[in-house]
C-alpha atoms as a PDB file:
ATOM      1  CA  MET A   1     106.660 133.833  88.992  1.00  0.00           C
ATOM      2  CA  ARG A   2     109.493 131.314  88.249  1.00  0.00           C
ATOM      3  CA  VAL A   3     109.638 131.132  92.307  1.00  0.00           C
ATOM      4  CA  TYR A   4     106.186 130.939  92.368  1.00  0.00           C
ATOM      5  CA  TRP A   5     105.455 128.036  89.849  1.00  0.00           C
ATOM      6  CA  ALA A   6     108.437 126.111  91.801  1.00  0.00           C
ATOM      7  CA  LEU A   7     106.687 126.323  95.340  1.00  0.00           C
ATOM      8  CA  LEU A   8     103.439 125.543  94.021  1.00  0.00           C
ATOM      9  CA  LYS A   9     104.893 122.198  92.242  1.00  0.00           C
ATOM     10  CA  LYS A  10     106.663 121.610  95.689  1.00  0.00           C
ATOM     11  CA  GLY A  11     104.205 122.615  98.307  1.00  0.00           C
ATOM     12  CA  SER A  12     106.038 124.477 100.428  1.00  0.00           C
ATOM     13  CA  ALA A  13     110.189 124.827 100.084  1.00  0.00           C
ATOM     14  CA  GLY A  14     112.994 127.049 101.908  1.00  0.00           C
ATOM     15  CA  PRO A  15     115.108 129.063 100.297  1.00  0.00           C
ATOM     16  CA  ARG A  16     118.048 126.719  99.921  1.00  0.00           C
ATOM     17  CA  GLU A  17     115.189 124.422  97.546  1.00  0.00           C
ATOM     18  CA  ILE A  18     114.572 126.907  95.744  1.00  0.00           C
ATOM     19  CA  MET A  19     118.001 128.108  94.804  1.00  0.00           C
ATOM     20  CA  ARG A  20     118.360 124.302  93.929  1.00  0.00           C
ATOM     21  CA  GLU A  21     115.400 123.660  92.269  1.00  0.00           C
ATOM     22  CA  LEU A  22     115.523 127.262  89.686  1.00  0.00           C
ATOM     23  CA  ASN A  23     119.701 126.947  89.662  1.00  0.00           C
ATOM     24  CA  LEU A  24     120.232 130.544  91.489  1.00  0.00           C
ATOM     25  CA  SER A  25     123.016 132.117  92.470  1.00  0.00           C
ATOM     26  CA  SER A  26     122.374 131.877  96.045  1.00  0.00           C
ATOM     27  CA  PRO A  27     119.579 131.514  98.780  1.00  0.00           C
ATOM     28  CA  SER A  28     119.575 135.149  99.342  1.00  0.00           C
ATOM     29  CA  VAL A  29     118.436 135.839  96.215  1.00  0.00           C
ATOM     30  CA  ALA A  30     115.578 132.809  96.187  1.00  0.00           C
ATOM     31  CA  SER A  31     114.504 134.265  99.824  1.00  0.00           C
ATOM     32  CA  TYR A  32     114.360 137.727  98.350  1.00  0.00           C
ATOM     33  CA  HIS A  33     111.373 136.747  95.385  1.00  0.00           C
ATOM     34  CA  LEU A  34     109.928 134.860  98.451  1.00  0.00           C
ATOM     35  CA  GLU A  35     109.913 137.566 100.424  1.00  0.00           C
ATOM     36  CA  LYS A  36     108.739 139.459  97.600  1.00  0.00           C
ATOM     37  CA  LEU A  37     105.669 136.722  97.201  1.00  0.00           C
ATOM     38  CA  ALA A  38     105.375 136.727 101.316  1.00  0.00           C
ATOM     39  CA  ASN A  39     104.343 140.537 100.555  1.00  0.00           C
ATOM     40  CA  LEU A  40     101.935 140.356  98.000  1.00  0.00           C
ATOM     41  CA  GLY A  41     100.054 137.860 100.155  1.00  0.00           C
ATOM     42  CA  LEU A  42     100.554 134.549  97.994  1.00  0.00           C
ATOM     43  CA  VAL A  43     102.760 132.844  99.745  1.00  0.00           C
ATOM     44  CA  LYS A  44     103.841 132.446 103.517  1.00  0.00           C
ATOM     45  CA  LYS A  45     106.488 132.058 105.962  1.00  0.00           C
ATOM     46  CA  GLU A  46     106.027 128.968 108.646  1.00  0.00           C
ATOM     47  CA  VAL A  47     107.701 128.163 111.777  1.00  0.00           C
ATOM     48  CA  GLY A  48     110.079 126.049 110.524  1.00  0.00           C
ATOM     49  CA  GLY A  49     110.934 128.592 107.449  1.00  0.00           C
ATOM     50  CA  GLU A  50     109.550 126.809 104.550  1.00  0.00           C
ATOM     51  CA  TYR A  51     107.376 129.011 102.918  1.00  0.00           C
ATOM     52  CA  VAL A  52     103.999 127.339 101.540  1.00  0.00           C
ATOM     53  CA  ILE A  53     101.232 129.289  99.038  1.00  0.00           C
ATOM     54  CA  SER A  54      98.763 130.628 101.060  1.00  0.00           C
ATOM     55  CA  LYS A  55      96.487 132.185  98.041  1.00  0.00           C
ATOM     56  CA  GLU A  56      96.817 130.238  94.742  1.00  0.00           C
ATOM     57  CA  VAL A  57      96.608 132.416  91.695  1.00  0.00           C
ATOM     58  CA  LYS A  58      95.846 131.551  87.975  1.00  0.00           C
ATOM     59  CA  VAL A  59      99.061 131.829  86.626  1.00  0.00           C
ATOM     60  CA  GLU A  60      97.677 133.017  83.441  1.00  0.00           C
ATOM     61  CA  LEU A  61      96.592 136.196  84.431  1.00  0.00           C
ATOM     62  CA  PHE A  62      99.983 137.397  85.307  1.00  0.00           C
ATOM     63  CA  SER A  63     100.244 137.405  81.409  1.00  0.00           C
ATOM     64  CA  GLN A  64      97.032 139.150  80.962  1.00  0.00           C
ATOM     65  CA  PHE A  65      99.619 142.111  82.418  1.00  0.00           C
ATOM     66  CA  ILE A  66     102.524 144.423  81.456  1.00  0.00           C
ATOM     67  CA  ARG A  67     104.928 146.482  83.494  1.00  0.00           C
ATOM     68  CA  VAL A  68     104.943 149.777  82.671  1.00  0.00           C
ATOM     69  CA  ALA A  69     107.197 152.165  85.014  1.00  0.00           C
ATOM     70  CA  GLY A  70     106.842 149.870  87.776  1.00  0.00           C
ATOM     71  CA  ILE A  71     102.902 150.173  87.423  1.00  0.00           C
ATOM     72  CA  ALA A  72     101.454 146.648  86.256  1.00  0.00           C
ATOM     73  CA  LEU A  73      98.527 147.375  83.592  1.00  0.00           C
ATOM     74  CA  PRO A  74      96.020 145.173  81.490  1.00  0.00           C
ATOM     75  CA  ARG A  75      97.226 144.960  77.936  1.00  0.00           C
ATOM     76  CA  TYR A  76      94.125 145.457  76.991  1.00  0.00           C
ATOM     77  CA  PHE A  77      94.208 149.343  78.318  1.00  0.00           C
ATOM     78  CA  PHE A  78      96.826 150.153  75.615  1.00  0.00           C
ATOM     79  CA  TYR A  79      93.966 148.910  72.695  1.00  0.00           C
ATOM     80  CA  SER A  80      91.922 150.716  74.501  1.00  0.00           C
ATOM     81  CA  VAL A  81      93.639 154.022  74.685  1.00  0.00           C
ATOM     82  CA  LEU A  82      94.402 153.546  70.987  1.00  0.00           C
ATOM     83  CA  PHE A  83      90.699 153.178  70.234  1.00  0.00           C
ATOM     84  CA  THR A  84      89.708 155.566  72.119  1.00  0.00           C
ATOM     85  CA  THR A  85      92.198 158.382  70.514  1.00  0.00           C
ATOM     86  CA  MET A  86      91.094 157.526  67.086  1.00  0.00           C
ATOM     87  CA  LEU A  87      87.658 157.634  68.001  1.00  0.00           C
ATOM     88  CA  ILE A  88      87.914 161.357  69.021  1.00  0.00           C
ATOM     89  CA  ALA A  89      90.335 162.660  66.313  1.00  0.00           C
ATOM     90  CA  TYR A  90      87.907 161.246  64.010  1.00  0.00           C
ATOM     91  CA  LEU A  91      85.434 163.307  65.482  1.00  0.00           C
ATOM     92  CA  ILE A  92      87.776 166.129  65.537  1.00  0.00           C
ATOM     93  CA  ILE A  93      89.156 166.074  62.434  1.00  0.00           C
ATOM     94  CA  TYR A  94      85.654 165.183  60.215  1.00  0.00           C
ATOM     95  CA  PRO A  95      82.867 167.220  59.989  1.00  0.00           C
ATOM     96  CA  ILE A  96      79.550 165.198  61.592  1.00  0.00           C
ATOM     97  CA  GLU A  97      77.779 164.886  58.416  1.00  0.00           C
ATOM     98  CA  ASN A  98      74.429 163.178  58.688  1.00  0.00           C
ATOM     99  CA  THR A  99      75.663 160.388  55.829  1.00  0.00           C
ATOM    100  CA  PRO A 100      76.185 156.557  56.427  1.00  0.00           C
ATOM    101  CA  GLN A 101      79.860 156.311  56.137  1.00  0.00           C
ATOM    102  CA  THR A 102      80.138 158.918  59.084  1.00  0.00           C
ATOM    103  CA  ALA A 103      77.512 156.963  61.191  1.00  0.00           C
ATOM    104  CA  MET A 104      78.999 153.642  60.549  1.00  0.00           C
ATOM    105  CA  SER A 105      82.248 154.910  61.430  1.00  0.00           C
ATOM    106  CA  ILE A 106      81.468 156.805  64.647  1.00  0.00           C
ATOM    107  CA  ILE A 107      79.169 153.210  65.698  1.00  0.00           C
ATOM    108  CA  PHE A 108      82.237 151.084  64.435  1.00  0.00           C
ATOM    109  CA  GLY A 109      84.657 153.102  66.743  1.00  0.00           C
ATOM    110  CA  ALA A 110      82.961 153.865  69.619  1.00  0.00           C
ATOM    111  CA  THR A 111      82.108 149.786  69.841  1.00  0.00           C
ATOM    112  CA  ALA A 112      85.609 149.206  69.640  1.00  0.00           C
ATOM    113  CA  ALA A 113      86.600 151.651  72.255  1.00  0.00           C
ATOM    114  CA  VAL A 114      83.821 150.178  74.756  1.00  0.00           C
ATOM    115  CA  ILE A 115      84.770 146.874  74.345  1.00  0.00           C
ATOM    116  CA  THR A 116      88.101 147.261  75.341  1.00  0.00           C
ATOM    117  CA  TRP A 117      87.707 149.395  78.449  1.00  0.00           C
ATOM    118  CA  ILE A 118      84.824 146.676  79.716  1.00  0.00           C
ATOM    119  CA  GLU A 119      87.583 144.459  78.898  1.00  0.00           C
ATOM    120  CA  THR A 120      90.676 146.134  80.316  1.00  0.00           C
ATOM    121  CA  ILE A 121      88.295 146.715  83.928  1.00  0.00           C
ATOM    122  CA  ARG A 122      87.150 143.431  83.826  1.00  0.00           C
ATOM    123  CA  ALA A 123      91.142 142.568  83.929  1.00  0.00           C
ATOM    124  CA  TRP A 124      91.860 145.051  86.531  1.00  0.00           C
ATOM    125  CA  LEU A 125      88.919 143.604  88.891  1.00  0.00           C
ATOM    126  CA  ARG A 126      90.677 140.217  88.432  1.00  0.00           C
ATOM    127  CA  ARG A 127      94.401 141.001  89.038  1.00  0.00           C
ATOM    128  CA  PRO A 128      95.831 138.591  91.222  1.00  0.00           C
ATOM    129  CA  PHE A 129      98.119 141.136  93.536  1.00  0.00           C
END
C-alpha cells in the first residue's frame, strides 16, 4: 500500500526511486512490490522500466477489507456472520411464542443480519482487486 501511495504521489517511478522514497532495503524489494501491483492491474510497467498508475483506486476501499488465511474479506462479513449466528441460535434455543418480546427480538435480529449482509455484498462488489 505504501508503494502504491508513493507511486500515486510521484506519477511514475522506478524501483530505485521507490526504494529511496520508502527507505526499503534494496531495489529488488521495491521491484517485488511493484510487480505485485502490476499483477493486480493497478500499475503498468513502461518501456523505460518505470511504473505508472494504470487504475486509480480509492485507497479507503482497502481499509474495508481484512486478510484471513490469504483471502481478503470485507470487515462487515464478520458482523454478518455474528448477527446471523445469533439469530439462528435464538430461534433454536428459545421457543417461538406469540408475544411482542419474541416478535421484537426476531425483527431486531433479522434487521441487523440483513443490513450487515447487504453492506458485506456492497463492499465485496466494490473491492479494488
